N, C-alpha and C. Protein backbone atom coordinates (compact mmCIF):
# COMPACT_ATOMS: atom_id res chain seq x y z
N MET A 1 17.23 0.99 0.96
CA MET A 1 16.31 0.99 -0.16
C MET A 1 16.37 2.36 -0.84
N SER A 2 16.11 2.34 -2.12
CA SER A 2 16.18 3.62 -2.83
C SER A 2 14.82 4.09 -3.34
N GLY A 3 13.75 3.48 -2.91
CA GLY A 3 12.47 3.99 -3.35
C GLY A 3 11.41 2.93 -3.47
N TYR A 4 10.44 3.23 -4.32
CA TYR A 4 9.30 2.34 -4.46
C TYR A 4 8.77 2.40 -5.90
N ARG A 5 8.02 1.38 -6.26
CA ARG A 5 7.25 1.37 -7.50
C ARG A 5 5.82 1.06 -7.14
N LEU A 6 4.91 1.81 -7.71
CA LEU A 6 3.49 1.67 -7.44
C LEU A 6 2.84 1.01 -8.64
N SER A 7 2.07 -0.05 -8.41
CA SER A 7 1.38 -0.71 -9.51
C SER A 7 0.23 0.15 -10.00
N LYS A 8 -0.25 -0.13 -11.18
CA LYS A 8 -1.39 0.59 -11.74
C LYS A 8 -2.62 0.43 -10.84
N ILE A 9 -2.83 -0.76 -10.34
CA ILE A 9 -4.00 -0.99 -9.49
C ILE A 9 -3.85 -0.27 -8.15
N ALA A 10 -2.63 -0.16 -7.61
CA ALA A 10 -2.42 0.61 -6.38
C ALA A 10 -2.68 2.09 -6.62
N ASP A 11 -2.28 2.57 -7.80
CA ASP A 11 -2.57 3.95 -8.18
C ASP A 11 -4.08 4.17 -8.23
N ASP A 12 -4.81 3.21 -8.78
CA ASP A 12 -6.28 3.28 -8.80
C ASP A 12 -6.85 3.25 -7.39
N ASP A 13 -6.26 2.42 -6.52
CA ASP A 13 -6.70 2.38 -5.11
C ASP A 13 -6.56 3.76 -4.48
N LEU A 14 -5.42 4.41 -4.71
CA LEU A 14 -5.19 5.74 -4.15
C LEU A 14 -6.23 6.74 -4.64
N LEU A 15 -6.51 6.73 -5.93
CA LEU A 15 -7.51 7.65 -6.47
C LEU A 15 -8.87 7.42 -5.81
N SER A 16 -9.23 6.18 -5.62
CA SER A 16 -10.50 5.85 -4.97
C SER A 16 -10.52 6.34 -3.52
N ILE A 17 -9.41 6.14 -2.81
CA ILE A 17 -9.30 6.60 -1.42
C ILE A 17 -9.41 8.12 -1.37
N PHE A 18 -8.72 8.80 -2.27
CA PHE A 18 -8.74 10.26 -2.30
C PHE A 18 -10.15 10.78 -2.58
N ARG A 19 -10.80 10.21 -3.57
CA ARG A 19 -12.17 10.66 -3.91
C ARG A 19 -13.12 10.47 -2.74
N TYR A 20 -13.09 9.28 -2.16
CA TYR A 20 -13.99 8.98 -1.04
C TYR A 20 -13.72 9.93 0.13
N THR A 21 -12.45 10.09 0.47
CA THR A 21 -12.10 10.95 1.61
C THR A 21 -12.52 12.39 1.36
N LEU A 22 -12.27 12.89 0.17
CA LEU A 22 -12.66 14.26 -0.16
C LEU A 22 -14.17 14.44 -0.10
N GLU A 23 -14.91 13.52 -0.71
CA GLU A 23 -16.37 13.64 -0.75
C GLU A 23 -17.01 13.44 0.63
N THR A 24 -16.43 12.56 1.44
CA THR A 24 -17.02 12.23 2.74
C THR A 24 -16.54 13.14 3.86
N TRP A 25 -15.26 13.48 3.85
CA TRP A 25 -14.66 14.17 4.98
C TRP A 25 -14.10 15.55 4.66
N GLY A 26 -13.93 15.87 3.37
CA GLY A 26 -13.48 17.20 3.00
C GLY A 26 -11.98 17.31 2.74
N GLU A 27 -11.61 18.50 2.26
CA GLU A 27 -10.23 18.78 1.84
C GLU A 27 -9.22 18.66 2.98
N GLU A 28 -9.55 19.18 4.15
CA GLU A 28 -8.60 19.13 5.26
C GLU A 28 -8.28 17.69 5.64
N GLN A 29 -9.30 16.85 5.76
CA GLN A 29 -9.06 15.45 6.12
C GLN A 29 -8.33 14.72 4.99
N LEU A 30 -8.61 15.08 3.74
CA LEU A 30 -7.89 14.48 2.61
C LEU A 30 -6.39 14.75 2.75
N GLN A 31 -6.02 15.97 3.07
CA GLN A 31 -4.60 16.31 3.21
C GLN A 31 -3.96 15.55 4.38
N ILE A 32 -4.69 15.40 5.46
CA ILE A 32 -4.19 14.65 6.62
C ILE A 32 -3.97 13.19 6.24
N TYR A 33 -4.95 12.58 5.56
CA TYR A 33 -4.86 11.16 5.21
C TYR A 33 -3.79 10.94 4.15
N LEU A 34 -3.67 11.86 3.21
CA LEU A 34 -2.63 11.79 2.20
C LEU A 34 -1.26 11.78 2.89
N GLY A 35 -1.07 12.63 3.86
CA GLY A 35 0.18 12.67 4.61
C GLY A 35 0.45 11.36 5.33
N LEU A 36 -0.59 10.78 5.90
CA LEU A 36 -0.46 9.50 6.60
C LEU A 36 0.00 8.40 5.64
N LEU A 37 -0.62 8.33 4.46
CA LEU A 37 -0.25 7.32 3.47
C LEU A 37 1.17 7.55 2.94
N GLU A 38 1.53 8.81 2.71
CA GLU A 38 2.88 9.12 2.25
C GLU A 38 3.93 8.76 3.30
N THR A 39 3.63 9.03 4.55
CA THR A 39 4.56 8.68 5.63
C THR A 39 4.74 7.17 5.70
N ALA A 40 3.66 6.42 5.60
CA ALA A 40 3.75 4.95 5.62
C ALA A 40 4.59 4.46 4.46
N ARG A 41 4.37 5.01 3.28
CA ARG A 41 5.16 4.64 2.11
C ARG A 41 6.65 4.91 2.34
N ASP A 42 6.96 6.08 2.91
CA ASP A 42 8.35 6.44 3.17
C ASP A 42 8.99 5.52 4.22
N VAL A 43 8.22 5.16 5.24
CA VAL A 43 8.72 4.27 6.29
C VAL A 43 9.10 2.91 5.70
N ILE A 44 8.21 2.31 4.94
CA ILE A 44 8.53 0.98 4.40
C ILE A 44 9.55 1.05 3.27
N SER A 45 9.63 2.19 2.59
CA SER A 45 10.68 2.34 1.57
C SER A 45 12.06 2.37 2.24
N ALA A 46 12.14 3.01 3.40
CA ALA A 46 13.41 3.11 4.13
C ALA A 46 13.76 1.81 4.85
N ASN A 47 12.74 1.12 5.38
CA ASN A 47 12.96 -0.11 6.13
C ASN A 47 11.76 -1.03 5.95
N PRO A 48 11.76 -1.86 4.91
CA PRO A 48 10.60 -2.70 4.60
C PRO A 48 10.23 -3.71 5.68
N PHE A 49 11.16 -3.99 6.59
CA PHE A 49 10.89 -4.96 7.65
C PHE A 49 10.72 -4.26 9.00
N CYS A 50 10.31 -3.00 8.95
CA CYS A 50 10.16 -2.19 10.16
C CYS A 50 9.09 -2.78 11.09
N PRO A 51 9.16 -2.38 12.37
CA PRO A 51 8.10 -2.79 13.29
C PRO A 51 6.74 -2.36 12.73
N GLY A 52 5.80 -3.26 12.83
CA GLY A 52 4.46 -2.99 12.31
C GLY A 52 4.21 -3.63 10.96
N SER A 53 5.28 -3.97 10.23
CA SER A 53 5.08 -4.67 8.96
C SER A 53 4.91 -6.16 9.26
N ARG A 54 4.13 -6.82 8.41
CA ARG A 54 3.88 -8.24 8.63
C ARG A 54 4.01 -9.01 7.32
N SER A 55 4.51 -10.21 7.41
CA SER A 55 4.57 -11.09 6.25
C SER A 55 3.16 -11.58 5.91
N ARG A 56 2.85 -11.62 4.61
CA ARG A 56 1.58 -12.19 4.13
C ARG A 56 1.87 -13.07 2.92
N GLU A 57 2.73 -14.05 3.13
CA GLU A 57 3.10 -15.00 2.08
C GLU A 57 1.87 -15.75 1.56
N ASP A 58 0.81 -15.78 2.35
CA ASP A 58 -0.42 -16.45 1.89
C ASP A 58 -1.07 -15.70 0.72
N LEU A 59 -0.73 -14.43 0.53
CA LEU A 59 -1.30 -13.64 -0.55
C LEU A 59 -0.48 -13.74 -1.83
N ALA A 60 0.85 -13.66 -1.69
CA ALA A 60 1.77 -13.75 -2.83
C ALA A 60 3.18 -13.96 -2.26
N ILE A 61 4.06 -14.49 -3.07
CA ILE A 61 5.43 -14.73 -2.65
C ILE A 61 6.09 -13.41 -2.25
N GLY A 62 6.64 -13.40 -1.04
CA GLY A 62 7.35 -12.22 -0.54
C GLY A 62 6.45 -11.07 -0.09
N CYS A 63 5.16 -11.28 -0.07
CA CYS A 63 4.21 -10.21 0.24
C CYS A 63 4.28 -9.81 1.72
N ARG A 64 4.20 -8.51 1.95
CA ARG A 64 4.15 -7.92 3.29
C ARG A 64 3.04 -6.88 3.31
N ILE A 65 2.57 -6.53 4.51
CA ILE A 65 1.61 -5.44 4.65
C ILE A 65 2.06 -4.50 5.76
N PHE A 66 1.61 -3.25 5.64
CA PHE A 66 1.91 -2.23 6.64
C PHE A 66 0.70 -1.33 6.76
N ARG A 67 0.24 -1.12 7.99
CA ARG A 67 -0.98 -0.36 8.26
C ARG A 67 -0.71 1.14 8.21
N ALA A 68 -1.65 1.86 7.58
CA ALA A 68 -1.64 3.32 7.54
C ALA A 68 -3.08 3.76 7.74
N GLY A 69 -3.42 4.19 8.93
CA GLY A 69 -4.80 4.55 9.21
C GLY A 69 -5.70 3.33 9.10
N LYS A 70 -6.71 3.42 8.25
CA LYS A 70 -7.64 2.32 8.04
C LYS A 70 -7.27 1.47 6.83
N HIS A 71 -6.09 1.73 6.25
CA HIS A 71 -5.65 1.01 5.04
C HIS A 71 -4.35 0.27 5.29
N ASP A 72 -4.12 -0.73 4.47
CA ASP A 72 -2.87 -1.48 4.50
C ASP A 72 -2.19 -1.35 3.15
N LEU A 73 -0.90 -1.04 3.18
CA LEU A 73 -0.09 -1.06 1.97
C LEU A 73 0.39 -2.49 1.79
N VAL A 74 0.11 -3.05 0.63
CA VAL A 74 0.49 -4.42 0.31
C VAL A 74 1.70 -4.32 -0.61
N TYR A 75 2.83 -4.88 -0.18
CA TYR A 75 4.07 -4.67 -0.92
C TYR A 75 4.99 -5.88 -0.82
N ARG A 76 6.04 -5.84 -1.59
CA ARG A 76 7.13 -6.80 -1.43
C ARG A 76 8.45 -6.11 -1.71
N VAL A 77 9.50 -6.72 -1.21
CA VAL A 77 10.83 -6.14 -1.26
C VAL A 77 11.59 -6.68 -2.46
N LYS A 78 12.15 -5.78 -3.23
CA LYS A 78 13.05 -6.14 -4.32
C LYS A 78 14.46 -5.72 -3.90
N GLU A 79 15.44 -5.89 -4.77
CA GLU A 79 16.83 -5.60 -4.40
C GLU A 79 17.04 -4.16 -3.94
N ASP A 80 16.50 -3.18 -4.68
CA ASP A 80 16.79 -1.78 -4.35
C ASP A 80 15.54 -0.93 -4.18
N HIS A 81 14.37 -1.55 -4.11
CA HIS A 81 13.13 -0.81 -3.94
C HIS A 81 12.04 -1.75 -3.42
N ILE A 82 10.91 -1.16 -3.08
CA ILE A 82 9.74 -1.97 -2.76
C ILE A 82 8.73 -1.80 -3.89
N GLU A 83 7.90 -2.82 -4.05
CA GLU A 83 6.80 -2.78 -5.01
C GLU A 83 5.50 -2.73 -4.22
N ILE A 84 4.73 -1.68 -4.41
CA ILE A 84 3.44 -1.57 -3.74
C ILE A 84 2.37 -2.05 -4.73
N ALA A 85 1.73 -3.16 -4.39
CA ALA A 85 0.75 -3.77 -5.29
C ALA A 85 -0.65 -3.22 -5.07
N ARG A 86 -1.02 -3.02 -3.82
CA ARG A 86 -2.38 -2.57 -3.49
C ARG A 86 -2.34 -1.70 -2.25
N ILE A 87 -3.39 -0.90 -2.08
CA ILE A 87 -3.63 -0.14 -0.86
C ILE A 87 -5.09 -0.41 -0.51
N LEU A 88 -5.30 -1.28 0.47
CA LEU A 88 -6.62 -1.82 0.74
C LEU A 88 -7.15 -1.41 2.10
N HIS A 89 -8.45 -1.14 2.15
CA HIS A 89 -9.12 -0.83 3.40
C HIS A 89 -9.12 -2.08 4.28
N GLU A 90 -9.00 -1.87 5.58
CA GLU A 90 -8.92 -2.98 6.52
C GLU A 90 -10.11 -3.93 6.45
N SER A 91 -11.25 -3.47 5.98
CA SER A 91 -12.44 -4.31 5.92
C SER A 91 -12.49 -5.21 4.69
N MET A 92 -11.56 -5.02 3.76
CA MET A 92 -11.59 -5.79 2.52
C MET A 92 -11.06 -7.20 2.73
N ASP A 93 -11.49 -8.10 1.88
CA ASP A 93 -11.05 -9.48 1.87
C ASP A 93 -9.75 -9.57 1.07
N PHE A 94 -8.64 -9.50 1.76
CA PHE A 94 -7.34 -9.43 1.09
C PHE A 94 -7.10 -10.63 0.18
N GLU A 95 -7.56 -11.81 0.60
CA GLU A 95 -7.33 -13.01 -0.19
C GLU A 95 -7.95 -12.91 -1.58
N ASN A 96 -9.02 -12.16 -1.71
CA ASN A 96 -9.67 -11.99 -3.01
C ASN A 96 -9.28 -10.70 -3.72
N GLN A 97 -8.43 -9.89 -3.09
CA GLN A 97 -8.05 -8.60 -3.67
C GLN A 97 -6.59 -8.52 -4.09
N VAL A 98 -5.78 -9.49 -3.69
CA VAL A 98 -4.35 -9.45 -3.99
C VAL A 98 -3.97 -10.69 -4.79
N ALA A 99 -3.26 -10.46 -5.89
CA ALA A 99 -2.77 -11.56 -6.72
C ALA A 99 -1.35 -11.25 -7.17
N GLU A 100 -0.63 -12.29 -7.51
CA GLU A 100 0.75 -12.13 -7.96
C GLU A 100 0.86 -11.10 -9.07
N GLN A 101 -0.06 -11.10 -10.00
CA GLN A 101 0.02 -10.18 -11.15
C GLN A 101 -0.24 -8.72 -10.77
N ASP A 102 -0.63 -8.44 -9.52
CA ASP A 102 -0.83 -7.06 -9.07
C ASP A 102 0.49 -6.34 -8.83
N PHE A 103 1.56 -7.08 -8.62
CA PHE A 103 2.86 -6.47 -8.34
C PHE A 103 3.49 -5.96 -9.64
N PRO A 104 4.14 -4.79 -9.59
CA PRO A 104 4.70 -4.20 -10.82
C PRO A 104 5.60 -5.12 -11.63
N SER A 105 6.46 -5.91 -10.98
CA SER A 105 7.39 -6.75 -11.73
C SER A 105 6.71 -7.95 -12.37
N ALA A 106 5.49 -8.24 -11.96
CA ALA A 106 4.75 -9.37 -12.54
C ALA A 106 4.10 -9.01 -13.86
N VAL A 107 4.07 -7.72 -14.17
CA VAL A 107 3.41 -7.24 -15.38
C VAL A 107 4.33 -7.35 -16.57
């Protein structure tokens, strides 16, 4: 794989995660969590079917998820990259938060 594309809504998810983490836990924890999310992104960009990734075809065609801390990266594999549609907290109702149009190529 040669990289990733982040949807607008996933970018918004990240901003929300960053704000919450900074306000609740502070700058040091924000940097730690940012590193965790970046590492997860890099892992699935290098090997989208890596151990720990799971198919979630019930959410969208080709959809997969990968856990990073308390969040899941929701993505699918394209020919030369992955598309990250959402970054959702584990407590969220994924069925109501993920739709086909959330993926970058669906726009």
